[in-house]
Protein backbone atom coordinates (compact mmCIF):
# COMPACT_ATOMS: atom_id res chain seq x y z
CA ILE A 1 0.00 0.00 0.00
CA SER A 2 2.86 2.32 0.91
CA SER A 3 4.44 1.86 -2.52
CA ASP A 4 1.11 2.60 -4.20
CA ILE A 5 0.75 5.81 -2.20
CA ASN A 6 4.29 6.86 -3.03
CA GLU A 7 3.67 6.14 -6.69
CA ALA A 8 0.44 8.15 -6.60
CA LEU A 9 2.19 11.06 -4.88
CA ALA A 10 4.95 10.94 -7.47
CA ASP A 11 2.34 11.06 -10.24
CA ILE A 12 0.66 14.04 -8.60
CA HIS A 13 4.00 15.80 -8.18
CA GLY A 14 4.84 15.19 -11.82
CA PHE A 15 1.42 16.47 -12.88
CA LEU A 16 1.83 19.65 -10.84
CA ASN A 17 5.28 20.25 -12.30
CA ASN A 18 3.92 19.85 -15.81
CA LEU A 19 1.01 22.14 -14.93
CA ASN A 20 3.39 24.83 -13.70
CA VAL A 21 5.36 24.56 -16.93
CA ASP A 22 2.15 24.88 -18.94
CA VAL A 23 1.00 27.90 -16.90
CA ASP A 24 4.38 29.60 -17.35
CA ALA A 25 4.24 28.94 -21.09
CA MET A 26 0.71 30.33 -21.25
CA ASP A 27 1.79 33.45 -19.34
CA ARG A 28 4.61 34.02 -21.82
CA MET A 29 2.28 33.51 -24.77
CA THR A 30 -0.30 35.85 -23.23
CA GLY A 31 2.35 38.51 -22.63
CA GLU A 32 3.61 38.24 -26.19
CA MET A 33 0.07 38.39 -27.56
CA LYS A 34 -0.79 41.48 -25.50
CA GLU A 35 2.42 43.15 -26.65
CA ARG A 36 1.67 42.42 -30.32
CA ILE A 37 -1.93 43.64 -29.98
CA SER A 38 -0.68 46.75 -28.20
CA VAL A 39 1.72 47.53 -31.05
CA MET A 40 -1.05 47.01 -33.60
CA ARG A 41 -3.34 49.45 -31.77
CA THR A 42 -0.70 52.15 -31.26
CA LEU A 43 1.23 54.63 -33.36
CA PRO A 44 4.48 56.49 -32.74
CA ILE A 45 3.60 59.99 -31.56
CA GLU A 46 5.97 61.25 -34.25
CA GLN A 47 2.99 61.04 -36.61
CA LEU A 48 1.29 63.68 -34.47
CA TYR A 49 4.46 65.77 -34.50
CA HIS A 50 4.29 65.97 -38.30
CA ARG A 51 0.81 67.48 -38.08
CA PHE A 52 2.05 70.05 -35.55
CA LYS A 53 4.78 71.23 -37.91
CA ARG A 54 2.24 72.30 -40.51
CA THR A 55 -0.04 73.90 -37.92
CA PHE A 56 2.86 75.72 -36.28
CA ARG A 57 3.92 77.33 -39.56
CA ASN A 58 0.42 78.76 -39.94
CA LEU A 59 0.29 79.98 -36.34
CA ILE A 60 3.66 81.69 -36.47
CA ARG A 61 2.53 83.69 -39.50
CA ALA A 62 -0.42 85.00 -37.47
CA GLU A 63 1.79 86.77 -34.94
CA TYR A 64 3.94 89.53 -36.42
CA GLY A 65 7.15 90.21 -34.54
CA ILE A 66 7.20 86.73 -32.99
CA SER A 67 9.88 84.27 -34.06
CA ALA A 68 10.11 80.77 -32.62
CA ASP A 69 11.41 77.31 -33.41
CA LEU A 70 9.48 74.13 -32.64
CA VAL A 71 11.53 71.12 -31.53
CA PHE A 72 10.48 67.57 -30.67
CA GLU A 73 11.84 64.73 -28.55
CA GLY A 74 10.59 61.21 -27.95
CA GLY A 75 8.84 60.77 -31.27
CA ASP A 76 9.21 56.99 -31.13
CA THR A 77 6.91 56.71 -28.07
CA ARG A 78 3.91 54.61 -29.11
CA ILE A 79 0.44 55.75 -28.04
CA GLY A 80 -3.04 54.43 -28.80
CA ARG A 81 -4.66 55.74 -31.97
CA THR A 82 -7.68 57.07 -30.09
CA VAL A 83 -5.44 58.90 -27.62
CA ILE A 84 -3.42 60.46 -30.44
CA ASP A 85 -6.60 61.69 -32.12
CA GLY A 86 -7.79 63.18 -28.83
CA LEU A 87 -4.49 64.95 -28.20
CA PHE A 88 -4.32 67.05 -31.35
CA ASP A 89 -6.78 69.84 -30.49
CA PRO A 90 -5.68 70.47 -26.87
CA MET A 91 -2.01 70.40 -27.85
CA VAL A 92 -2.61 72.85 -30.69
CA HIS A 93 -4.28 75.16 -28.18
CA LEU A 94 -1.21 74.87 -25.94
CA LEU A 95 0.99 75.81 -28.90
CA ARG A 96 -1.24 78.85 -29.47
CA ASN A 97 -0.88 79.72 -25.80
CA CYS A 98 2.91 79.52 -26.00
CA LEU A 99 2.93 81.93 -28.93
CA ALA A 100 0.18 84.30 -27.76
CA HIS A 101 1.19 84.54 -24.09
CA GLY A 102 4.67 83.06 -23.76
CA ILE A 103 7.15 83.90 -26.52
CA GLU A 104 8.02 87.58 -26.47
CA PRO A 105 8.50 89.79 -29.55
CA GLU A 106 12.07 89.80 -30.81
CA SER A 107 12.79 93.29 -29.48
CA GLU A 108 11.57 92.33 -25.99
CA ARG A 109 13.67 89.16 -25.99
CA ILE A 110 16.80 91.06 -27.00
CA SER A 111 16.19 93.59 -24.20
CA ALA A 112 15.94 90.66 -21.78
CA SER A 113 19.29 89.26 -23.05
CA LYS A 114 17.54 86.34 -24.75
CA ALA A 115 18.03 84.96 -28.24
CA PRO A 116 15.76 86.81 -30.70
CA THR A 117 14.13 83.51 -31.69
CA GLY A 118 12.19 81.69 -29.00
CA THR A 119 11.96 77.93 -28.58
CA ILE A 120 8.91 75.76 -28.02
CA SER A 121 9.62 72.12 -27.29
CA ILE A 122 7.39 69.05 -27.12
CA GLU A 123 8.92 66.11 -25.29
CA THR A 124 7.24 62.72 -24.89
CA LEU A 125 8.43 59.89 -22.69
CA ARG A 126 6.93 56.67 -21.44
CA ARG A 127 6.40 56.16 -17.73
CA GLY A 128 4.91 52.74 -17.00
CA ASN A 129 1.51 52.54 -18.69
CA SER A 130 1.41 56.30 -19.20
CA ALA A 131 2.91 58.85 -21.56
CA VAL A 132 4.19 62.15 -20.19
CA ILE A 133 4.08 64.97 -22.72
CA THR A 134 5.72 68.28 -21.81
CA ILE A 135 5.06 71.39 -23.91
CA SER A 136 7.53 74.11 -22.91
CA ASP A 137 8.47 77.59 -24.06
CA ASP A 138 11.32 79.87 -23.05
CA GLY A 139 9.12 82.96 -22.99
CA ARG A 140 7.98 85.45 -20.37
CA GLY A 141 6.29 82.93 -18.08
CA ILE A 142 2.94 83.28 -16.34
CA GLN A 143 2.79 86.57 -14.47
CA MET A 144 1.11 85.84 -11.15
CA GLU A 145 0.13 89.44 -10.45
CA GLN A 146 -1.61 89.62 -13.81
CA VAL A 147 -3.47 86.40 -13.05
CA LYS A 148 -4.55 87.77 -9.67
CA ARG A 149 -5.79 91.04 -11.21
CA LYS A 150 -7.86 89.09 -13.71
CA ALA A 151 -9.29 86.87 -10.96
CA VAL A 152 -10.30 89.97 -9.00
CA GLU A 153 -11.84 91.47 -12.13
CA LEU A 154 -13.88 88.30 -12.64
CA GLY A 155 -15.05 88.37 -9.04
CA TRP A 156 -13.39 85.06 -8.13
CA ILE A 157 -11.37 86.54 -5.26
CA ASP A 158 -11.35 89.75 -3.24
CA ALA A 159 -8.80 92.43 -4.00
CA ASP A 160 -7.20 91.94 -0.59
CA ALA A 161 -7.04 88.15 -0.93
CA ASN A 162 -3.65 86.44 -0.88
CA PRO A 163 -3.99 83.19 -2.86
CA ASP A 164 -0.90 81.02 -3.10
CA ARG A 165 0.85 80.21 -6.36
CA ARG A 166 -0.95 76.86 -6.78
CA GLU A 167 -4.37 78.48 -6.41
CA LEU A 168 -3.49 81.11 -9.00
CA MET A 169 -2.24 78.45 -11.42
CA ASP A 170 -5.51 76.54 -11.03
CA MET A 171 -7.46 79.68 -11.97
CA VAL A 172 -5.79 79.64 -15.39
CA PHE A 173 -7.84 76.52 -16.17
CA ARG A 174 -11.20 77.96 -15.12
CA PRO A 175 -13.85 78.70 -17.77
CA GLY A 176 -13.78 82.31 -18.88
CA PHE A 177 -10.20 83.05 -17.85
CA SER A 178 -7.88 84.88 -20.24
CA THR A 179 -5.31 87.61 -19.73
CA LYS A 180 -5.28 88.50 -23.43
CA PRO A 181 -7.72 91.27 -24.37
CA GLY A 182 -10.07 90.20 -27.14
CA ALA A 183 -9.92 86.98 -29.11
CA ASP A 184 -7.92 86.22 -32.20
CA GLU A 185 -6.79 83.31 -34.32
CA LEU A 186 -3.52 82.89 -32.49
CA SER A 187 -4.87 82.86 -28.94
CA GLY A 188 -7.54 80.35 -29.88
CA ARG A 189 -10.56 82.43 -30.89
CA GLY A 190 -11.52 82.97 -27.26
CA VAL A 191 -11.27 79.28 -26.31
CA GLY A 192 -9.87 79.03 -22.79
CA MET A 193 -7.52 76.65 -21.06
CA ASP A 194 -10.53 74.94 -19.48
CA VAL A 195 -11.12 73.26 -22.84
CA VAL A 196 -7.60 71.83 -22.71
CA LEU A 197 -8.25 70.48 -19.22
CA ASP A 198 -11.59 68.97 -20.27
CA SER A 199 -10.06 67.33 -23.35
CA ILE A 200 -7.19 65.76 -21.42
CA SER A 201 -9.55 64.64 -18.62
CA ALA A 202 -11.67 62.91 -21.27
CA LEU A 203 -8.56 60.85 -22.08
CA ASN A 204 -8.24 59.90 -18.39
CA GLY A 205 -5.23 62.20 -18.18
CA THR A 206 -4.02 65.09 -16.04
CA VAL A 207 -2.56 68.53 -16.72
CA ASP A 208 0.00 70.34 -14.61
CA VAL A 209 1.79 73.62 -15.20
CA VAL A 210 5.15 74.93 -14.04
CA SER A 211 6.14 78.50 -14.79
CA GLU A 212 8.87 80.97 -13.89
CA GLU A 213 8.50 84.62 -14.76
CA GLY A 214 11.05 85.66 -17.34
CA ARG A 215 12.12 82.06 -18.00
CA GLY A 216 9.14 80.26 -19.51
CA THR A 217 6.28 77.85 -18.92
CA SER A 218 5.86 74.08 -19.14
CA PHE A 219 2.54 72.28 -19.47
CA ILE A 220 2.84 68.65 -18.40
CA LEU A 221 0.27 66.17 -19.69
CA GLN A 222 0.13 62.65 -18.29
CA ILE A 223 -2.12 60.30 -20.21
CA PRO A 224 -2.60 56.53 -20.53
CA LEU A 225 -0.79 54.95 -23.45
CA SER A 226 -4.11 53.50 -24.58
CA LEU A 227 -7.76 53.85 -23.59
CA VAL A 228 -8.21 50.12 -24.18
CA ILE A 229 -6.53 47.63 -21.86
CA ILE A 230 -6.78 44.08 -23.20
CA ASN A 231 -6.47 41.16 -20.83
CA VAL A 232 -6.46 37.99 -22.89
CA VAL A 233 -6.45 35.86 -19.76
CA GLN A 234 -7.93 37.29 -16.56
């Protein structure tokens, strides 16, 4: 009886070993399949960069006295097709913002000991299952006192209020906020930064902004690589 039990236990042990091998093989196959499907459903963001080049040329013509170069990094980062389609409009608005509010006229840049031609950069990198896209300019930066004056004018805060820098930055994304008088083609035809925030939120993403007066502004978008997550085996 003892030998029969030992033989049965050996059979069970062998079965479990084979099962583990099969599970490991299935995990590898599943991982490979998910990777291939992911590649099929994504595109390098460089394809979006090409569209920006054409748009940027048209925008730069709309602002006399402004000269700027547009540079890209991380064009090989692959992002879902739906995400790429959803990124175009908000990122174009951010480009407009860089030109309308950020990059100074050549004469102003020279007076500030800057190069006559400004620089706007778009950098994309992968961070886990997300893409981080940073749109930066080396312009005048967001002027906090100007933001506060506009907030007072709109009745959002009292004139004697003392909001911190983070609160003022958040106001930039509120509906109806703009420090540029009137609306024109370059600044986005009166479309505010709230539309950018709404568009990125619709992609399950976030928007942050870092700015230093006289040095420039960076808008940081963090979005999922794809809106569709496929689990072949749960």
